[in-house]
PDB file of N, CA and C in Angstrom:
ATOM      1  N   MET A   1    -128.956  34.774  83.913  1.00  0.00           N
ATOM      2  CA  MET A   1    -128.008  34.436  82.610  1.00  0.00           C
ATOM      3  C   MET A   1    -128.101  32.874  82.690  1.00  0.00           C
ATOM      4  N   PHE A   2    -128.142  32.627  81.293  1.00  0.00           N
ATOM      5  CA  PHE A   2    -127.940  31.233  81.054  1.00  0.00           C
ATOM      6  C   PHE A   2    -127.088  30.916  80.063  1.00  0.00           C
ATOM      7  N   SER A   3    -126.563  29.958  79.276  1.00  0.00           N
ATOM      8  CA  SER A   3    -126.018  29.579  78.275  1.00  0.00           C
ATOM      9  C   SER A   3    -126.540  27.922  77.699  1.00  0.00           C
ATOM     10  N   ILE A   4    -126.722  27.885  76.560  1.00  0.00           N
ATOM     11  CA  ILE A   4    -127.232  26.464  75.850  1.00  0.00           C
ATOM     12  C   ILE A   4    -126.059  26.278  74.940  1.00  0.00           C
ATOM     13  N   GLU A   5    -125.566  24.613  75.053  1.00  0.00           N
ATOM     14  CA  GLU A   5    -124.813  24.113  74.367  1.00  0.00           C
ATOM     15  C   GLU A   5    -125.374  22.804  73.584  1.00  0.00           C
ATOM     16  N   HIS A   6    -125.357  22.594  72.102  1.00  0.00           N
ATOM     17  CA  HIS A   6    -125.825  21.302  71.669  1.00  0.00           C
ATOM     18  C   HIS A   6    -124.491  20.452  71.815  1.00  0.00           C
ATOM     19  N   GLU A   7    -124.417  19.360  72.344  1.00  0.00           N
ATOM     20  CA  GLU A   7    -123.373  18.326  71.919  1.00  0.00           C
ATOM     21  C   GLU A   7    -123.993  17.125  71.460  1.00  0.00           C
ATOM     22  N   PHE A   8    -123.258  16.101  71.148  1.00  0.00           N
ATOM     23  CA  PHE A   8    -123.934  14.850  70.480  1.00  0.00           C
ATOM     24  C   PHE A   8    -124.716  14.395  70.696  1.00  0.00           C
ATOM     25  N   ASP A   9    -124.886  14.072  72.191  1.00  0.00           N
ATOM     26  CA  ASP A   9    -125.896  13.155  72.807  1.00  0.00           C
ATOM     27  C   ASP A   9    -126.733  13.987  73.844  1.00  0.00           C
ATOM     28  N   ALA A  10    -126.659  15.340  73.984  1.00  0.00           N
ATOM     29  CA  ALA A  10    -127.127  15.935  75.103  1.00  0.00           C
ATOM     30  C   ALA A  10    -127.492  17.741  74.567  1.00  0.00           C
ATOM     31  N   THR A  11    -128.623  18.239  75.185  1.00  0.00           N
ATOM     32  CA  THR A  11    -128.001  19.867  74.917  1.00  0.00           C
ATOM     33  C   THR A  11    -127.826  20.282  76.599  1.00  0.00           C
ATOM     34  N   VAL A  12    -126.911  20.830  76.734  1.00  0.00           N
ATOM     35  CA  VAL A  12    -126.576  21.336  78.009  1.00  0.00           C
ATOM     36  C   VAL A  12    -126.895  22.875  78.255  1.00  0.00           C
ATOM     37  N   ILE A  13    -127.623  23.170  79.652  1.00  0.00           N
ATOM     38  CA  ILE A  13    -127.877  24.398  79.759  1.00  0.00           C
ATOM     39  C   ILE A  13    -127.471  24.696  80.931  1.00  0.00           C
ATOM     40  N   THR A  14    -126.732  25.906  81.166  1.00  0.00           N
ATOM     41  CA  THR A  14    -126.268  26.317  82.223  1.00  0.00           C
ATOM     42  C   THR A  14    -126.518  27.451  83.145  1.00  0.00           C
ATOM     43  N   LEU A  15    -127.447  27.388  84.202  1.00  0.00           N
ATOM     44  CA  LEU A  15    -127.741  28.598  84.624  1.00  0.00           C
ATOM     45  C   LEU A  15    -127.016  29.308  85.908  1.00  0.00           C
ATOM     46  N   ILE A  16    -126.862  30.552  85.579  1.00  0.00           N
ATOM     47  CA  ILE A  16    -125.810  31.381  86.280  1.00  0.00           C
ATOM     48  C   ILE A  16    -126.553  32.468  87.273  1.00  0.00           C
ATOM     49  N   ASP A  17    -126.206  32.242  88.574  1.00  0.00           N
ATOM     50  CA  ASP A  17    -127.161  33.203  89.444  1.00  0.00           C
ATOM     51  C   ASP A  17    -126.249  34.428  89.336  1.00  0.00           C
ATOM     52  N   GLU A  18    -127.186  35.427  89.128  1.00  0.00           N
ATOM     53  CA  GLU A  18    -126.876  36.877  89.040  1.00  0.00           C
ATOM     54  C   GLU A  18    -127.474  37.799  90.424  1.00  0.00           C
ATOM     55  N   GLY A  19    -126.833  38.653  90.875  1.00  0.00           N
ATOM     56  CA  GLY A  19    -127.322  39.565  91.735  1.00  0.00           C
ATOM     57  C   GLY A  19    -126.228  39.869  92.693  1.00  0.00           C
ATOM     58  N   ALA A  20    -126.463  40.596  93.661  1.00  0.00           N
ATOM     59  CA  ALA A  20    -125.807  41.299  94.621  1.00  0.00           C
ATOM     60  C   ALA A  20    -125.135  40.308  95.699  1.00  0.00           C
ATOM     61  N   THR A  21    -126.069  39.435  96.240  1.00  0.00           N
ATOM     62  CA  THR A  21    -126.067  38.830  97.562  1.00  0.00           C
ATOM     63  C   THR A  21    -126.723  37.480  97.339  1.00  0.00           C
ATOM     64  N   HIS A  22    -126.195  36.449  98.258  1.00  0.00           N
ATOM     65  CA  HIS A  22    -126.776  34.929  98.255  1.00  0.00           C
ATOM     66  C   HIS A  22    -126.807  34.134  97.112  1.00  0.00           C
ATOM     67  N   LEU A  23    -125.671  34.502  96.531  1.00  0.00           N
ATOM     68  CA  LEU A  23    -125.546  33.681  95.012  1.00  0.00           C
ATOM     69  C   LEU A  23    -125.356  32.395  95.446  1.00  0.00           C
ATOM     70  N   GLN A  24    -125.947  31.374  94.419  1.00  0.00           N
ATOM     71  CA  GLN A  24    -126.048  30.071  94.485  1.00  0.00           C
ATOM     72  C   GLN A  24    -124.963  29.697  93.147  1.00  0.00           C
ATOM     73  N   GLU A  25    -124.359  28.459  93.626  1.00  0.00           N
ATOM     74  CA  GLU A  25    -123.393  27.901  92.579  1.00  0.00           C
ATOM     75  C   GLU A  25    -124.177  27.974  90.977  1.00  0.00           C
ATOM     76  N   ASP A  26    -123.386  27.724  90.039  1.00  0.00           N
ATOM     77  CA  ASP A  26    -124.303  27.405  88.589  1.00  0.00           C
ATOM     78  C   ASP A  26    -124.795  25.897  88.792  1.00  0.00           C
ATOM     79  N   ILE A  27    -125.898  25.984  87.903  1.00  0.00           N
ATOM     80  CA  ILE A  27    -126.628  24.628  87.919  1.00  0.00           C
ATOM     81  C   ILE A  27    -126.328  24.433  86.128  1.00  0.00           C
ATOM     82  N   THR A  28    -126.014  22.891  86.306  1.00  0.00           N
ATOM     83  CA  THR A  28    -126.008  22.520  84.597  1.00  0.00           C
ATOM     84  C   THR A  28    -127.083  21.365  84.389  1.00  0.00           C
ATOM     85  N   ILE A  29    -127.688  21.819  83.257  1.00  0.00           N
ATOM     86  CA  ILE A  29    -129.044  20.912  83.056  1.00  0.00           C
ATOM     87  C   ILE A  29    -128.552  19.990  81.991  1.00  0.00           C
ATOM     88  N   ASN A  30    -128.431  18.629  81.740  1.00  0.00           N
ATOM     89  CA  ASN A  30    -128.048  17.902  80.539  1.00  0.00           C
ATOM     90  C   ASN A  30    -129.353  17.335  80.277  1.00  0.00           C
ATOM     91  N   ALA A  31    -129.758  17.787  78.991  1.00  0.00           N
ATOM     92  CA  ALA A  31    -130.937  17.311  78.435  1.00  0.00           C
ATOM     93  C   ALA A  31    -130.699  15.964  77.509  1.00  0.00           C
ATOM     94  N   PHE A  32    -130.923  14.865  77.883  1.00  0.00           N
ATOM     95  CA  PHE A  32    -130.809  13.725  76.802  1.00  0.00           C
ATOM     96  C   PHE A  32    -132.213  13.074  76.445  1.00  0.00           C
ATOM     97  N   GLU A  33    -132.197  12.316  75.584  1.00  0.00           N
ATOM     98  CA  GLU A  33    -133.413  11.824  74.955  1.00  0.00           C
ATOM     99  C   GLU A  33    -134.310  11.170  75.766  1.00  0.00           C
ATOM    100  N   ASP A  34    -133.877  10.521  77.100  1.00  0.00           N
ATOM    101  CA  ASP A  34    -134.815   9.703  77.796  1.00  0.00           C
ATOM    102  C   ASP A  34    -134.784  10.257  79.413  1.00  0.00           C
ATOM    103  N   CYS A  35    -133.899  11.373  79.705  1.00  0.00           N
ATOM    104  CA  CYS A  35    -133.630  11.920  81.018  1.00  0.00           C
ATOM    105  C   CYS A  35    -133.136  13.195  80.968  1.00  0.00           C
ATOM    106  N   ILE A  36    -133.353  13.855  82.188  1.00  0.00           N
ATOM    107  CA  ILE A  36    -132.866  15.288  82.455  1.00  0.00           C
ATOM    108  C   ILE A  36    -131.953  15.235  83.478  1.00  0.00           C
ATOM    109  N   VAL A  37    -130.837  15.535  83.508  1.00  0.00           N
ATOM    110  CA  VAL A  37    -129.660  15.503  84.856  1.00  0.00           C
ATOM    111  C   VAL A  37    -129.371  17.113  85.120  1.00  0.00           C
ATOM    112  N   LEU A  38    -129.548  17.219  86.577  1.00  0.00           N
ATOM    113  CA  LEU A  38    -129.172  18.520  86.867  1.00  0.00           C
ATOM    114  C   LEU A  38    -128.025  18.428  87.867  1.00  0.00           C
ATOM    115  N   GLU A  39    -127.130  19.146  87.666  1.00  0.00           N
ATOM    116  CA  GLU A  39    -125.925  19.062  88.702  1.00  0.00           C
ATOM    117  C   GLU A  39    -125.362  20.527  89.199  1.00  0.00           C
ATOM    118  N   GLN A  40    -124.818  20.600  90.389  1.00  0.00           N
ATOM    119  CA  GLN A  40    -124.695  21.733  91.114  1.00  0.00           C
ATOM    120  C   GLN A  40    -123.604  21.362  91.967  1.00  0.00           C
ATOM    121  N   MET A  41    -122.560  22.146  91.864  1.00  0.00           N
ATOM    122  CA  MET A  41    -121.447  21.905  92.976  1.00  0.00           C
ATOM    123  C   MET A  41    -121.742  22.547  94.313  1.00  0.00           C
ATOM    124  N   ASP A  42    -121.330  21.710  95.413  1.00  0.00           N
ATOM    125  CA  ASP A  42    -121.506  21.746  96.591  1.00  0.00           C
ATOM    126  C   ASP A  42    -120.055  22.854  97.258  1.00  0.00           C
ATOM    127  N   PRO A  43    -120.167  23.805  97.505  1.00  0.00           N
ATOM    128  CA  PRO A  43    -119.013  24.406  97.850  1.00  0.00           C
ATOM    129  C   PRO A  43    -118.322  23.975  99.094  1.00  0.00           C
ATOM    130  N   ARG A  44    -119.278  23.645  99.965  1.00  0.00           N
ATOM    131  CA  ARG A  44    -118.921  22.938 101.266  1.00  0.00           C
ATOM    132  C   ARG A  44    -118.086  21.719 101.580  1.00  0.00           C
ATOM    133  N   THR A  45    -118.456  20.623 100.366  1.00  0.00           N
ATOM    134  CA  THR A  45    -118.167  19.446 100.582  1.00  0.00           C
ATOM    135  C   THR A  45    -117.141  19.291  99.183  1.00  0.00           C
ATOM    136  N   GLU A  46    -117.081  20.368  98.349  1.00  0.00           N
ATOM    137  CA  GLU A  46    -116.440  20.079  97.055  1.00  0.00           C
ATOM    138  C   GLU A  46    -116.867  19.334  96.315  1.00  0.00           C
ATOM    139  N   ARG A  47    -118.076  18.704  96.061  1.00  0.00           N
ATOM    140  CA  ARG A  47    -118.599  17.476  95.302  1.00  0.00           C
ATOM    141  C   ARG A  47    -119.844  18.070  94.537  1.00  0.00           C
ATOM    142  N   VAL A  48    -119.889  17.397  93.611  1.00  0.00           N
ATOM    143  CA  VAL A  48    -121.075  17.920  92.248  1.00  0.00           C
ATOM    144  C   VAL A  48    -122.448  17.042  93.103  1.00  0.00           C
ATOM    145  N   ASN A  49    -123.529  17.696  93.247  1.00  0.00           N
ATOM    146  CA  ASN A  49    -124.597  16.952  93.531  1.00  0.00           C
ATOM    147  C   ASN A  49    -125.360  16.584  92.171  1.00  0.00           C
ATOM    148  N   GLN A  50    -126.204  15.511  92.023  1.00  0.00           N
ATOM    149  CA  GLN A  50    -126.830  15.307  90.853  1.00  0.00           C
ATOM    150  C   GLN A  50    -128.256  14.828  91.074  1.00  0.00           C
ATOM    151  N   ILE A  51    -129.339  15.402  90.335  1.00  0.00           N
ATOM    152  CA  ILE A  51    -130.470  15.052  90.361  1.00  0.00           C
ATOM    153  C   ILE A  51    -130.600  14.498  88.981  1.00  0.00           C
ATOM    154  N   THR A  52    -131.585  13.199  88.712  1.00  0.00           N
ATOM    155  CA  THR A  52    -131.859  13.000  87.517  1.00  0.00           C
ATOM    156  C   THR A  52    -133.329  12.847  87.551  1.00  0.00           C
ATOM    157  N   LEU A  53    -134.187  13.341  86.597  1.00  0.00           N
ATOM    158  CA  LEU A  53    -135.531  13.448  86.313  1.00  0.00           C
ATOM    159  C   LEU A  53    -135.906  12.560  85.069  1.00  0.00           C
ATOM    160  N   SER A  54    -137.116  11.835  84.911  1.00  0.00           N
ATOM    161  CA  SER A  54    -137.738  11.179  83.851  1.00  0.00           C
ATOM    162  C   SER A  54    -138.172  12.218  82.822  1.00  0.00           C
ATOM    163  N   ILE A  55    -138.438  11.987  81.953  1.00  0.00           N
ATOM    164  CA  ILE A  55    -139.128  13.029  81.035  1.00  0.00           C
ATOM    165  C   ILE A  55    -140.552  13.308  81.468  1.00  0.00           C
ATOM    166  N   SER A  56    -141.125  12.016  82.056  1.00  0.00           N
ATOM    167  CA  SER A  56    -142.638  12.545  82.610  1.00  0.00           C
ATOM    168  C   SER A  56    -142.387  13.357  83.829  1.00  0.00           C
ATOM    169  N   GLN A  57    -141.238  13.161  84.864  1.00  0.00           N
ATOM    170  CA  GLN A  57    -141.233  14.076  85.865  1.00  0.00           C
ATOM    171  C   GLN A  57    -140.996  15.429  85.426  1.00  0.00           C
ATOM    172  N   LEU A  58    -140.295  15.471  84.362  1.00  0.00           N
ATOM    173  CA  LEU A  58    -139.875  16.794  84.175  1.00  0.00           C
ATOM    174  C   LEU A  58    -141.312  17.647  83.463  1.00  0.00           C
ATOM    175  N   ASN A  59    -142.126  16.956  82.826  1.00  0.00           N
ATOM    176  CA  ASN A  59    -143.140  17.478  82.180  1.00  0.00           C
ATOM    177  C   ASN A  59    -144.110  17.817  83.663  1.00  0.00           C
ATOM    178  N   ASP A  60    -144.437  16.984  84.559  1.00  0.00           N
ATOM    179  CA  ASP A  60    -144.844  17.156  85.844  1.00  0.00           C
ATOM    180  C   ASP A  60    -144.587  18.410  86.485  1.00  0.00           C
ATOM    181  N   LEU A  61    -143.124  18.570  86.453  1.00  0.00           N
ATOM    182  CA  LEU A  61    -142.639  19.899  87.129  1.00  0.00           C
ATOM    183  C   LEU A  61    -143.148  20.945  86.141  1.00  0.00           C
ATOM    184  N   ALA A  62    -143.036  20.823  85.051  1.00  0.00           N
ATOM    185  CA  ALA A  62    -143.328  22.279  84.166  1.00  0.00           C
ATOM    186  C   ALA A  62    -144.871  22.538  84.362  1.00  0.00           C
ATOM    187  N   ALA A  63    -145.786  21.550  84.400  1.00  0.00           N
ATOM    188  CA  ALA A  63    -147.297  21.531  84.600  1.00  0.00           C
ATOM    189  C   ALA A  63    -147.389  22.418  85.952  1.00  0.00           C
ATOM    190  N   ALA A  64    -146.668  21.989  86.960  1.00  0.00           N
ATOM    191  CA  ALA A  64    -146.707  22.170  88.460  1.00  0.00           C
ATOM    192  C   ALA A  64    -146.380  23.701  88.833  1.00  0.00           C
ATOM    193  N   LEU A  65    -145.599  24.388  88.045  1.00  0.00           N
ATOM    194  CA  LEU A  65    -145.210  25.891  88.098  1.00  0.00           C
ATOM    195  C   LEU A  65    -146.224  26.753  87.951  1.00  0.00           C
ATOM    196  N   ASN A  66    -147.313  26.198  87.167  1.00  0.00           N
ATOM    197  CA  ASN A  66    -148.358  27.253  86.876  1.00  0.00           C
ATOM    198  C   ASN A  66    -149.755  26.785  87.623  1.00  0.00           C
ATOM    199  N   LEU A  67    -149.920  25.968  88.835  1.00  0.00           N
ATOM    200  CA  LEU A  67    -151.063  25.614  89.204  1.00  0.00           C
ATOM    201  C   LEU A  67    -150.843  26.140  90.684  1.00  0.00           C
ATOM    202  N   PRO A  68    -152.169  26.381  91.545  1.00  0.00           N
ATOM    203  CA  PRO A  68    -152.041  26.510  92.732  1.00  0.00           C
ATOM    204  C   PRO A  68    -151.962  25.476  93.547  1.00  0.00           C
ATOM    205  N   GLU A  69    -151.953  25.249  95.244  1.00  0.00           N
ATOM    206  CA  GLU A  69    -151.816  24.276  95.798  1.00  0.00           C
ATOM    207  C   GLU A  69    -152.586  23.281  95.514  1.00  0.00           C
ATOM    208  N   GLY A  70    -152.234  21.773  95.718  1.00  0.00           N
ATOM    209  CA  GLY A  70    -153.092  21.136  95.499  1.00  0.00           C
ATOM    210  C   GLY A  70    -152.523  19.737  95.009  1.00  0.00           C
ATOM    211  N   VAL A  71    -152.977  18.385  94.680  1.00  0.00           N
ATOM    212  CA  VAL A  71    -152.854  17.263  94.328  1.00  0.00           C
ATOM    213  C   VAL A  71    -153.458  17.079  92.912  1.00  0.00           C
ATOM    214  N   TYR A  72    -152.540  16.639  91.841  1.00  0.00           N
ATOM    215  CA  TYR A  72    -152.753  16.509  90.644  1.00  0.00           C
ATOM    216  C   TYR A  72    -152.139  15.206  89.893  1.00  0.00           C
ATOM    217  N   GLN A  73    -152.914  14.758  88.780  1.00  0.00           N
ATOM    218  CA  GLN A  73    -152.233  13.921  88.038  1.00  0.00           C
ATOM    219  C   GLN A  73    -152.562  14.080  86.676  1.00  0.00           C
ATOM    220  N   ARG A  74    -151.599  14.502  85.885  1.00  0.00           N
ATOM    221  CA  ARG A  74    -151.675  14.608  84.288  1.00  0.00           C
ATOM    222  C   ARG A  74    -152.129  13.471  83.643  1.00  0.00           C
ATOM    223  N   VAL A  75    -152.855  13.650  82.716  1.00  0.00           N
ATOM    224  CA  VAL A  75    -153.533  12.725  81.587  1.00  0.00           C
ATOM    225  C   VAL A  75    -152.071  12.536  80.806  1.00  0.00           C
ATOM    226  N   ARG A  76    -151.730  11.343  80.638  1.00  0.00           N
ATOM    227  CA  ARG A  76    -150.597  11.055  79.963  1.00  0.00           C
ATOM    228  C   ARG A  76    -150.617  10.919  78.485  1.00  0.00           C
ATOM    229  N   THR A  77    -150.153  11.570  77.747  1.00  0.00           N
ATOM    230  CA  THR A  77    -150.169  11.153  76.246  1.00  0.00           C
ATOM    231  C   THR A  77    -149.349  10.182  75.879  1.00  0.00           C
ATOM    232  N   GLY A  78    -149.184   9.711  74.451  1.00  0.00           N
ATOM    233  CA  GLY A  78    -148.455   8.779  74.183  1.00  0.00           C
ATOM    234  C   GLY A  78    -146.704   9.399  74.196  1.00  0.00           C
ATOM    235  N   GLN A  79    -146.628  10.627  74.187  1.00  0.00           N
ATOM    236  CA  GLN A  79    -145.241  11.188  73.977  1.00  0.00           C
ATOM    237  C   GLN A  79    -144.485  11.510  75.276  1.00  0.00           C
ATOM    238  N   ASP A  80    -144.991  11.723  76.686  1.00  0.00           N
ATOM    239  CA  ASP A  80    -144.433  11.816  77.820  1.00  0.00           C
ATOM    240  C   ASP A  80    -143.982  10.942  78.522  1.00  0.00           C
ATOM    241  N   GLY A  81    -144.231   9.632  78.458  1.00  0.00           N
ATOM    242  CA  GLY A  81    -144.287   8.493  79.137  1.00  0.00           C
ATOM    243  C   GLY A  81    -145.036   8.546  80.288  1.00  0.00           C
TER     244      GLY A  81
END
């Protein structure tokens, strides 16, 4: 399950783990104009872990999800940095 909210400076997506066992904490994705920030609570430390991706890194990740093993370099266009 997931939710999408549009705020003033970001789109916020929350991914909620569903299932019977081994559930993970919710992941919040804040999509800004110039970067994507992923956040997840660590229940062991009670701290929020945060990862920031550039738009270019996000585009690389999206491309990688559909490719077999290997090393790749995307051809950059003017829009993805």
